[in-house]
Amino acid sequence: MFCIPPFLEDVQPASFTLATLTFDTLGTGTSPLTLSIRRLGDAFADPLTATPGSGEVVVTPEPSSMLLFVMGLAGLAGVRQTSRRRGRLVA
């Protein structure tokens, strides 16, 4: 195997982010989250130890989504009121 310096262990910091998780959700709420590591090794395939943790995922609606929803409801109420004043009922 031919490698040109600098080697990975020379340029890699002692602490770094191994992974980032992104979720698509179906609704708001809280769900447990458990992570496990099947295999983890160094540049020479020697095993490394790591202590994975557990936690939870909390999904809350975004403020901008809630504002858009409320404004939509207010708009529908305004259209309904205007239609009632003109004698037409919009369902």
PDB file of N, CA and C in Angstrom:
ATOM      1  N   MET A   1       0.838  -1.167   0.000  1.00  0.00           N
ATOM      2  CA  MET A   1       0.000   0.000   0.000  1.00  0.00           C
ATOM      3  C   MET A   1       0.891   1.242   0.000  1.00  0.00           C
ATOM      4  N   PHE A   2       0.615   2.163  -0.897  1.00  0.00           N
ATOM      5  CA  PHE A   2       1.419   3.358  -1.033  1.00  0.00           C
ATOM      6  C   PHE A   2       0.635   4.571  -0.549  1.00  0.00           C
ATOM      7  N   CYS A   3       1.172   5.302   0.423  1.00  0.00           N
ATOM      8  CA  CYS A   3       0.522   6.495   0.961  1.00  0.00           C
ATOM      9  C   CYS A   3       1.492   7.659   0.908  1.00  0.00           C
ATOM     10  N   ILE A   4       0.968   8.804   0.560  1.00  0.00           N
ATOM     11  CA  ILE A   4       1.772  10.020   0.538  1.00  0.00           C
ATOM     12  C   ILE A   4       1.433  10.831   1.787  1.00  0.00           C
ATOM     13  N   PRO A   5       2.421  11.269   2.560  1.00  0.00           N
ATOM     14  CA  PRO A   5       2.132  12.092   3.743  1.00  0.00           C
ATOM     15  C   PRO A   5       1.449  13.390   3.317  1.00  0.00           C
ATOM     16  N   PRO A   6       0.635  14.017   4.123  1.00  0.00           N
ATOM     17  CA  PRO A   6       0.306  13.670   5.498  1.00  0.00           C
ATOM     18  C   PRO A   6      -0.713  12.536   5.561  1.00  0.00           C
ATOM     19  N   PHE A   7      -0.563  11.720   6.556  1.00  0.00           N
ATOM     20  CA  PHE A   7      -1.471  10.612   6.756  1.00  0.00           C
ATOM     21  C   PHE A   7      -2.736  11.098   7.471  1.00  0.00           C
ATOM     22  N   LEU A   8      -3.771  10.302   7.417  1.00  0.00           N
ATOM     23  CA  LEU A   8      -5.048  10.687   8.008  1.00  0.00           C
ATOM     24  C   LEU A   8      -4.904  11.041   9.477  1.00  0.00           C
ATOM     25  N   GLU A   9      -4.172  10.230  10.229  1.00  0.00           N
ATOM     26  CA  GLU A   9      -4.064  10.528  11.657  1.00  0.00           C
ATOM     27  C   GLU A   9      -3.243  11.795  11.934  1.00  0.00           C
ATOM     28  N   ASP A  10      -2.482  12.254  10.942  1.00  0.00           N
ATOM     29  CA  ASP A  10      -1.723  13.500  11.098  1.00  0.00           C
ATOM     30  C   ASP A  10      -2.603  14.735  10.923  1.00  0.00           C
ATOM     31  N   VAL A  11      -3.637  14.649  10.099  1.00  0.00           N
ATOM     32  CA  VAL A  11      -4.451  15.817   9.777  1.00  0.00           C
ATOM     33  C   VAL A  11      -5.825  15.801  10.439  1.00  0.00           C
ATOM     34  N   GLN A  12      -6.207  14.668  10.987  1.00  0.00           N
ATOM     35  CA  GLN A  12      -7.535  14.551  11.594  1.00  0.00           C
ATOM     36  C   GLN A  12      -7.497  15.018  13.046  1.00  0.00           C
ATOM     37  N   PRO A  13      -8.475  15.860  13.466  1.00  0.00           N
ATOM     38  CA  PRO A  13      -8.492  16.317  14.860  1.00  0.00           C
ATOM     39  C   PRO A  13      -8.825  15.174  15.815  1.00  0.00           C
ATOM     40  N   ALA A  14      -8.517  15.364  17.093  1.00  0.00           N
ATOM     41  CA  ALA A  14      -8.772  14.332  18.096  1.00  0.00           C
ATOM     42  C   ALA A  14     -10.263  14.121  18.314  1.00  0.00           C
ATOM     43  N   SER A  15     -11.055  15.150  18.113  1.00  0.00           N
ATOM     44  CA  SER A  15     -12.494  15.047  18.305  1.00  0.00           C
ATOM     45  C   SER A  15     -13.194  15.627  17.080  1.00  0.00           C
ATOM     46  N   PHE A  16     -14.196  14.920  16.566  1.00  0.00           N
ATOM     47  CA  PHE A  16     -14.901  15.373  15.373  1.00  0.00           C
ATOM     48  C   PHE A  16     -16.286  14.748  15.328  1.00  0.00           C
ATOM     49  N   THR A  17     -17.138  15.257  14.480  1.00  0.00           N
ATOM     50  CA  THR A  17     -18.481  14.720  14.295  1.00  0.00           C
ATOM     51  C   THR A  17     -18.413  13.540  13.340  1.00  0.00           C
ATOM     52  N   LEU A  18     -18.873  12.403  13.807  1.00  0.00           N
ATOM     53  CA  LEU A  18     -18.839  11.195  12.989  1.00  0.00           C
ATOM     54  C   LEU A  18     -20.048  11.117  12.068  1.00  0.00           C
ATOM     55  N   ALA A  19     -21.203  11.577  12.554  1.00  0.00           N
ATOM     56  CA  ALA A  19     -22.420  11.508  11.749  1.00  0.00           C
ATOM     57  C   ALA A  19     -23.400  12.584  12.195  1.00  0.00           C
ATOM     58  N   THR A  20     -24.264  12.972  11.282  1.00  0.00           N
ATOM     59  CA  THR A  20     -25.363  13.882  11.578  1.00  0.00           C
ATOM     60  C   THR A  20     -26.637  13.223  11.082  1.00  0.00           C
ATOM     61  N   LEU A  21     -27.652  13.183  11.922  1.00  0.00           N
ATOM     62  CA  LEU A  21     -28.916  12.552  11.567  1.00  0.00           C
ATOM     63  C   LEU A  21     -29.963  13.606  11.256  1.00  0.00           C
ATOM     64  N   THR A  22     -30.759  13.353  10.220  1.00  0.00           N
ATOM     65  CA  THR A  22     -31.863  14.227   9.854  1.00  0.00           C
ATOM     66  C   THR A  22     -33.107  13.366   9.734  1.00  0.00           C
ATOM     67  N   PHE A  23     -34.214  13.847  10.298  1.00  0.00           N
ATOM     68  CA  PHE A  23     -35.452  13.079  10.312  1.00  0.00           C
ATOM     69  C   PHE A  23     -36.556  13.821   9.575  1.00  0.00           C
ATOM     70  N   ASP A  24     -37.401  13.079   8.890  1.00  0.00           N
ATOM     71  CA  ASP A  24     -38.667  13.589   8.382  1.00  0.00           C
ATOM     72  C   ASP A  24     -39.736  13.063   9.326  1.00  0.00           C
ATOM     73  N   THR A  25     -40.594  13.939   9.808  1.00  0.00           N
ATOM     74  CA  THR A  25     -41.563  13.534  10.819  1.00  0.00           C
ATOM     75  C   THR A  25     -42.980  13.527  10.266  1.00  0.00           C
ATOM     76  N   LEU A  26     -43.826  12.763  10.936  1.00  0.00           N
ATOM     77  CA  LEU A  26     -45.234  12.696  10.574  1.00  0.00           C
ATOM     78  C   LEU A  26     -46.091  13.590  11.459  1.00  0.00           C
ATOM     79  N   GLY A  27     -45.589  13.971  12.616  1.00  0.00           N
ATOM     80  CA  GLY A  27     -46.353  14.814  13.517  1.00  0.00           C
ATOM     81  C   GLY A  27     -45.502  15.224  14.699  1.00  0.00           C
ATOM     82  N   THR A  28     -46.105  16.024  15.583  1.00  0.00           N
ATOM     83  CA  THR A  28     -45.383  16.475  16.764  1.00  0.00           C
ATOM     84  C   THR A  28     -45.411  15.403  17.841  1.00  0.00           C
ATOM     85  N   GLY A  29     -44.478  15.479  18.760  1.00  0.00           N
ATOM     86  CA  GLY A  29     -44.433  14.527  19.870  1.00  0.00           C
ATOM     87  C   GLY A  29     -43.006  14.193  20.239  1.00  0.00           C
ATOM     88  N   THR A  30     -42.861  13.206  21.101  1.00  0.00           N
ATOM     89  CA  THR A  30     -41.556  12.767  21.586  1.00  0.00           C
ATOM     90  C   THR A  30     -41.404  11.273  21.348  1.00  0.00           C
ATOM     91  N   SER A  31     -40.250  10.870  20.838  1.00  0.00           N
ATOM     92  CA  SER A  31     -39.955   9.460  20.599  1.00  0.00           C
ATOM     93  C   SER A  31     -38.583   9.131  21.168  1.00  0.00           C
ATOM     94  N   PRO A  32     -38.419   7.943  21.734  1.00  0.00           N
ATOM     95  CA  PRO A  32     -37.094   7.561  22.237  1.00  0.00           C
ATOM     96  C   PRO A  32     -36.129   7.302  21.081  1.00  0.00           C
ATOM     97  N   LEU A  33     -34.863   7.492  21.345  1.00  0.00           N
ATOM     98  CA  LEU A  33     -33.834   7.285  20.340  1.00  0.00           C
ATOM     99  C   LEU A  33     -32.679   6.542  20.985  1.00  0.00           C
ATOM    100  N   THR A  34     -32.296   5.416  20.404  1.00  0.00           N
ATOM    101  CA  THR A  34     -31.168   4.640  20.894  1.00  0.00           C
ATOM    102  C   THR A  34     -30.190   4.440  19.748  1.00  0.00           C
ATOM    103  N   LEU A  35     -28.926   4.716  19.993  1.00  0.00           N
ATOM    104  CA  LEU A  35     -27.883   4.522  18.993  1.00  0.00           C
ATOM    105  C   LEU A  35     -26.982   3.382  19.419  1.00  0.00           C
ATOM    106  N   SER A  36     -26.571   2.586  18.449  1.00  0.00           N
ATOM    107  CA  SER A  36     -25.620   1.517  18.736  1.00  0.00           C
ATOM    108  C   SER A  36     -24.546   1.518  17.653  1.00  0.00           C
ATOM    109  N   ILE A  37     -23.378   1.058  18.000  1.00  0.00           N
ATOM    110  CA  ILE A  37     -22.257   1.021  17.063  1.00  0.00           C
ATOM    111  C   ILE A  37     -21.919  -0.438  16.796  1.00  0.00           C
ATOM    112  N   ARG A  38     -21.956  -0.813  15.526  1.00  0.00           N
ATOM    113  CA  ARG A  38     -21.628  -2.194  15.177  1.00  0.00           C
ATOM    114  C   ARG A  38     -20.123  -2.394  15.105  1.00  0.00           C
ATOM    115  N   ARG A  39     -19.440  -1.514  14.403  1.00  0.00           N
ATOM    116  CA  ARG A  39     -17.983  -1.611  14.297  1.00  0.00           C
ATOM    117  C   ARG A  39     -17.399  -0.214  14.168  1.00  0.00           C
ATOM    118  N   LEU A  40     -16.281  -0.025  14.825  1.00  0.00           N
ATOM    119  CA  LEU A  40     -15.578   1.251  14.732  1.00  0.00           C
ATOM    120  C   LEU A  40     -14.095   0.949  14.805  1.00  0.00           C
ATOM    121  N   GLY A  41     -13.339   1.464  13.832  1.00  0.00           N
ATOM    122  CA  GLY A  41     -11.911   1.173  13.815  1.00  0.00           C
ATOM    123  C   GLY A  41     -11.093   2.362  13.372  1.00  0.00           C
ATOM    124  N   ASP A  42      -9.776   2.268  13.560  1.00  0.00           N
ATOM    125  CA  ASP A  42      -8.878   3.344  13.157  1.00  0.00           C
ATOM    126  C   ASP A  42      -8.397   3.121  11.721  1.00  0.00           C
ATOM    127  N   ALA A  43      -7.412   3.893  11.297  1.00  0.00           N
ATOM    128  CA  ALA A  43      -6.906   3.816   9.924  1.00  0.00           C
ATOM    129  C   ALA A  43      -6.274   2.468   9.607  1.00  0.00           C
ATOM    130  N   PHE A  44      -5.874   1.720  10.650  1.00  0.00           N
ATOM    131  CA  PHE A  44      -5.254   0.421  10.440  1.00  0.00           C
ATOM    132  C   PHE A  44      -6.224  -0.729  10.705  1.00  0.00           C
ATOM    133  N   ALA A  45      -7.509  -0.406  10.831  1.00  0.00           N
ATOM    134  CA  ALA A  45      -8.577  -1.380  11.090  1.00  0.00           C
ATOM    135  C   ALA A  45      -8.496  -1.991  12.485  1.00  0.00           C
ATOM    136  N   ASP A  46      -7.750  -1.345  13.368  1.00  0.00           N
ATOM    137  CA  ASP A  46      -7.748  -1.782  14.762  1.00  0.00           C
ATOM    138  C   ASP A  46      -9.022  -1.266  15.426  1.00  0.00           C
ATOM    139  N   PRO A  47      -9.667  -2.093  16.242  1.00  0.00           N
ATOM    140  CA  PRO A  47     -10.933  -1.669  16.840  1.00  0.00           C
ATOM    141  C   PRO A  47     -10.775  -0.500  17.810  1.00  0.00           C
ATOM    142  N   LEU A  48     -11.746   0.390  17.779  1.00  0.00           N
ATOM    143  CA  LEU A  48     -11.830   1.513  18.708  1.00  0.00           C
ATOM    144  C   LEU A  48     -13.066   1.327  19.568  1.00  0.00           C
ATOM    145  N   THR A  49     -12.994   1.825  20.781  1.00  0.00           N
ATOM    146  CA  THR A  49     -14.163   1.746  21.650  1.00  0.00           C
ATOM    147  C   THR A  49     -14.847   3.102  21.686  1.00  0.00           C
ATOM    148  N   ALA A  50     -16.145   3.056  21.755  1.00  0.00           N
ATOM    149  CA  ALA A  50     -16.952   4.264  21.864  1.00  0.00           C
ATOM    150  C   ALA A  50     -18.152   3.938  22.736  1.00  0.00           C
ATOM    151  N   THR A  51     -18.641   4.925  23.427  1.00  0.00           N
ATOM    152  CA  THR A  51     -19.808   4.729  24.279  1.00  0.00           C
ATOM    153  C   THR A  51     -20.979   5.504  23.685  1.00  0.00           C
ATOM    154  N   PRO A  52     -21.833   4.797  22.954  1.00  0.00           N
ATOM    155  CA  PRO A  52     -22.996   5.499  22.394  1.00  0.00           C
ATOM    156  C   PRO A  52     -23.995   5.816  23.499  1.00  0.00           C
ATOM    157  N   GLY A  53     -24.733   6.857  23.303  1.00  0.00           N
ATOM    158  CA  GLY A  53     -25.736   7.251  24.288  1.00  0.00           C
ATOM    159  C   GLY A  53     -27.132   7.056  23.739  1.00  0.00           C
ATOM    160  N   SER A  54     -28.081   7.328  24.559  1.00  0.00           N
ATOM    161  CA  SER A  54     -29.467   7.296  24.115  1.00  0.00           C
ATOM    162  C   SER A  54     -30.092   8.626  24.484  1.00  0.00           C
ATOM    163  N   GLY A  55     -31.187   8.916  23.906  1.00  0.00           N
ATOM    164  CA  GLY A  55     -31.858  10.184  24.163  1.00  0.00           C
ATOM    165  C   GLY A  55     -33.252  10.144  23.608  1.00  0.00           C
ATOM    166  N   GLU A  56     -33.717  11.292  23.170  1.00  0.00           N
ATOM    167  CA  GLU A  56     -35.050  11.354  22.608  1.00  0.00           C
ATOM    168  C   GLU A  56     -35.083  12.393  21.508  1.00  0.00           C
ATOM    169  N   VAL A  57     -36.039  12.233  20.629  1.00  0.00           N
ATOM    170  CA  VAL A  57     -36.274  13.175  19.557  1.00  0.00           C
ATOM    171  C   VAL A  57     -37.560  13.906  19.889  1.00  0.00           C
ATOM    172  N   VAL A  58     -37.498  15.227  19.966  1.00  0.00           N
ATOM    173  CA  VAL A  58     -38.678  16.035  20.261  1.00  0.00           C
ATOM    174  C   VAL A  58     -39.014  16.837  19.018  1.00  0.00           C
ATOM    175  N   VAL A  59     -40.226  16.647  18.510  1.00  0.00           N
ATOM    176  CA  VAL A  59     -40.668  17.343  17.305  1.00  0.00           C
ATOM    177  C   VAL A  59     -41.702  18.384  17.713  1.00  0.00           C
ATOM    178  N   THR A  60     -41.405  19.635  17.387  1.00  0.00           N
ATOM    179  CA  THR A  60     -42.338  20.726  17.656  1.00  0.00           C
ATOM    180  C   THR A  60     -42.590  21.477  16.355  1.00  0.00           C
ATOM    181  N   PRO A  61     -43.763  22.035  16.199  1.00  0.00           N
ATOM    182  CA  PRO A  61     -44.030  22.790  14.972  1.00  0.00           C
ATOM    183  C   PRO A  61     -43.170  24.047  14.908  1.00  0.00           C
ATOM    184  N   GLU A  62     -42.770  24.420  13.715  1.00  0.00           N
ATOM    185  CA  GLU A  62     -41.987  25.632  13.537  1.00  0.00           C
ATOM    186  C   GLU A  62     -42.887  26.848  13.734  1.00  0.00           C
ATOM    187  N   PRO A  63     -42.380  27.909  14.343  1.00  0.00           N
ATOM    188  CA  PRO A  63     -43.193  29.111  14.527  1.00  0.00           C
ATOM    189  C   PRO A  63     -43.715  29.678  13.212  1.00  0.00           C
ATOM    190  N   SER A  64     -42.915  29.620  12.155  1.00  0.00           N
ATOM    191  CA  SER A  64     -43.372  30.157  10.868  1.00  0.00           C
ATOM    192  C   SER A  64     -44.522  29.322  10.305  1.00  0.00           C
ATOM    193  N   SER A  65     -44.501  28.014  10.515  1.00  0.00           N
ATOM    194  CA  SER A  65     -45.600  27.165  10.049  1.00  0.00           C
ATOM    195  C   SER A  65     -46.879  27.467  10.812  1.00  0.00           C
ATOM    196  N   MET A  66     -46.737  27.665  12.121  1.00  0.00           N
ATOM    197  CA  MET A  66     -47.911  27.997  12.924  1.00  0.00           C
ATOM    198  C   MET A  66     -48.489  29.351  12.512  1.00  0.00           C
ATOM    199  N   LEU A  67     -47.629  30.338  12.246  1.00  0.00           N
ATOM    200  CA  LEU A  67     -48.085  31.657  11.825  1.00  0.00           C
ATOM    201  C   LEU A  67     -48.817  31.568  10.495  1.00  0.00           C
ATOM    202  N   LEU A  68     -48.295  30.798   9.568  1.00  0.00           N
ATOM    203  CA  LEU A  68     -48.950  30.622   8.272  1.00  0.00           C
ATOM    204  C   LEU A  68     -50.307  29.963   8.437  1.00  0.00           C
ATOM    205  N   PHE A  69     -50.408  28.966   9.303  1.00  0.00           N
ATOM    206  CA  PHE A  69     -51.666  28.277   9.565  1.00  0.00           C
ATOM    207  C   PHE A  69     -52.699  29.236  10.158  1.00  0.00           C
ATOM    208  N   VAL A  70     -52.284  30.026  11.155  1.00  0.00           N
ATOM    209  CA  VAL A  70     -53.199  30.973  11.805  1.00  0.00           C
ATOM    210  C   VAL A  70     -53.653  32.045  10.824  1.00  0.00           C
ATOM    211  N   MET A  71     -52.749  32.532   9.992  1.00  0.00           N
ATOM    212  CA  MET A  71     -53.129  33.550   9.003  1.00  0.00           C
ATOM    213  C   MET A  71     -54.100  32.981   7.979  1.00  0.00           C
ATOM    214  N   GLY A  72     -53.924  31.731   7.610  1.00  0.00           N
ATOM    215  CA  GLY A  72     -54.864  31.089   6.693  1.00  0.00           C
ATOM    216  C   GLY A  72     -56.251  30.977   7.296  1.00  0.00           C
ATOM    217  N   LEU A  73     -56.318  30.600   8.575  1.00  0.00           N
ATOM    218  CA  LEU A  73     -57.617  30.531   9.258  1.00  0.00           C
ATOM    219  C   LEU A  73     -58.268  31.902   9.353  1.00  0.00           C
ATOM    220  N   ALA A  74     -57.463  32.922   9.662  1.00  0.00           N
ATOM    221  CA  ALA A  74     -58.000  34.285   9.740  1.00  0.00           C
ATOM    222  C   ALA A  74     -58.510  34.742   8.382  1.00  0.00           C
ATOM    223  N   GLY A  75     -57.814  34.403   7.326  1.00  0.00           N
ATOM    224  CA  GLY A  75     -58.268  34.751   5.978  1.00  0.00           C
ATOM    225  C   GLY A  75     -59.575  34.076   5.626  1.00  0.00           C
ATOM    226  N   LEU A  76     -59.708  32.809   5.983  1.00  0.00           N
ATOM    227  CA  LEU A  76     -60.969  32.102   5.720  1.00  0.00           C
ATOM    228  C   LEU A  76     -62.115  32.715   6.510  1.00  0.00           C
ATOM    229  N   ALA A  77     -61.850  33.093   7.749  1.00  0.00           N
ATOM    230  CA  ALA A  77     -62.890  33.726   8.567  1.00  0.00           C
ATOM    231  C   ALA A  77     -63.292  35.064   7.960  1.00  0.00           C
ATOM    232  N   GLY A  78     -62.332  35.820   7.446  1.00  0.00           N
ATOM    233  CA  GLY A  78     -62.637  37.104   6.812  1.00  0.00           C
ATOM    234  C   GLY A  78     -63.468  36.938   5.568  1.00  0.00           C
ATOM    235  N   VAL A  79     -63.161  35.955   4.744  1.00  0.00           N
ATOM    236  CA  VAL A  79     -63.941  35.687   3.531  1.00  0.00           C
ATOM    237  C   VAL A  79     -65.362  35.282   3.903  1.00  0.00           C
ATOM    238  N   ARG A  80     -65.475  34.477   4.922  1.00  0.00           N
ATOM    239  CA  ARG A  80     -66.809  34.023   5.354  1.00  0.00           C
ATOM    240  C   ARG A  80     -67.649  35.197   5.862  1.00  0.00           C
ATOM    241  N   GLN A  81     -67.033  36.089   6.659  1.00  0.00           N
ATOM    242  CA  GLN A  81     -67.749  37.260   7.177  1.00  0.00           C
ATOM    243  C   GLN A  81     -68.182  38.175   6.036  1.00  0.00           C
ATOM    244  N   THR A  82     -67.315  38.409   5.070  1.00  0.00           N
ATOM    245  CA  THR A  82     -67.639  39.260   3.928  1.00  0.00           C
ATOM    246  C   THR A  82     -68.786  38.657   3.123  1.00  0.00           C
ATOM    247  N   SER A  83     -68.772  37.357   2.942  1.00  0.00           N
ATOM    248  CA  SER A  83     -69.837  36.689   2.189  1.00  0.00           C
ATOM    249  C   SER A  83     -71.163  36.764   2.926  1.00  0.00           C
ATOM    250  N   ARG A  84     -71.146  36.668   4.238  1.00  0.00           N
ATOM    251  CA  ARG A  84     -72.380  36.770   5.015  1.00  0.00           C
ATOM    252  C   ARG A  84     -72.976  38.166   4.909  1.00  0.00           C
ATOM    253  N   ARG A  85     -72.137  39.189   4.899  1.00  0.00           N
ATOM    254  CA  ARG A  85     -72.619  40.560   4.786  1.00  0.00           C
ATOM    255  C   ARG A  85     -73.279  40.810   3.431  1.00  0.00           C
ATOM    256  N   ARG A  86     -72.806  40.148   2.415  1.00  0.00           N
ATOM    257  CA  ARG A  86     -73.362  40.307   1.073  1.00  0.00           C
ATOM    258  C   ARG A  86     -74.541  39.385   0.837  1.00  0.00           C
ATOM    259  N   GLY A  87     -74.871  38.528   1.796  1.00  0.00           N
ATOM    260  CA  GLY A  87     -76.015  37.644   1.651  1.00  0.00           C
ATOM    261  C   GLY A  87     -75.707  36.293   1.064  1.00  0.00           C
ATOM    262  N   ARG A  88     -74.442  36.027   0.816  1.00  0.00           N
ATOM    263  CA  ARG A  88     -74.064  34.709   0.303  1.00  0.00           C
ATOM    264  C   ARG A  88     -73.294  33.994   1.396  1.00  0.00           C
ATOM    265  N   LEU A  89     -73.515  32.719   1.519  1.00  0.00           N
ATOM    266  CA  LEU A  89     -72.818  31.921   2.520  1.00  0.00           C
ATOM    267  C   LEU A  89     -71.807  31.042   1.815  1.00  0.00           C
ATOM    268  N   VAL A  90     -70.559  31.173   2.203  1.00  0.00           N
ATOM    269  CA  VAL A  90     -69.502  30.336   1.655  1.00  0.00           C
ATOM    270  C   VAL A  90     -69.205  29.269   2.684  1.00  0.00           C
ATOM    271  N   ALA A  91     -69.300  28.010   2.297  1.00  0.00           N
ATOM    272  CA  ALA A  91     -69.082  26.916   3.247  1.00  0.00           C
ATOM    273  C   ALA A  91     -67.634  26.543   3.277  1.00  0.00           C
TER     274      ALA A  91
END
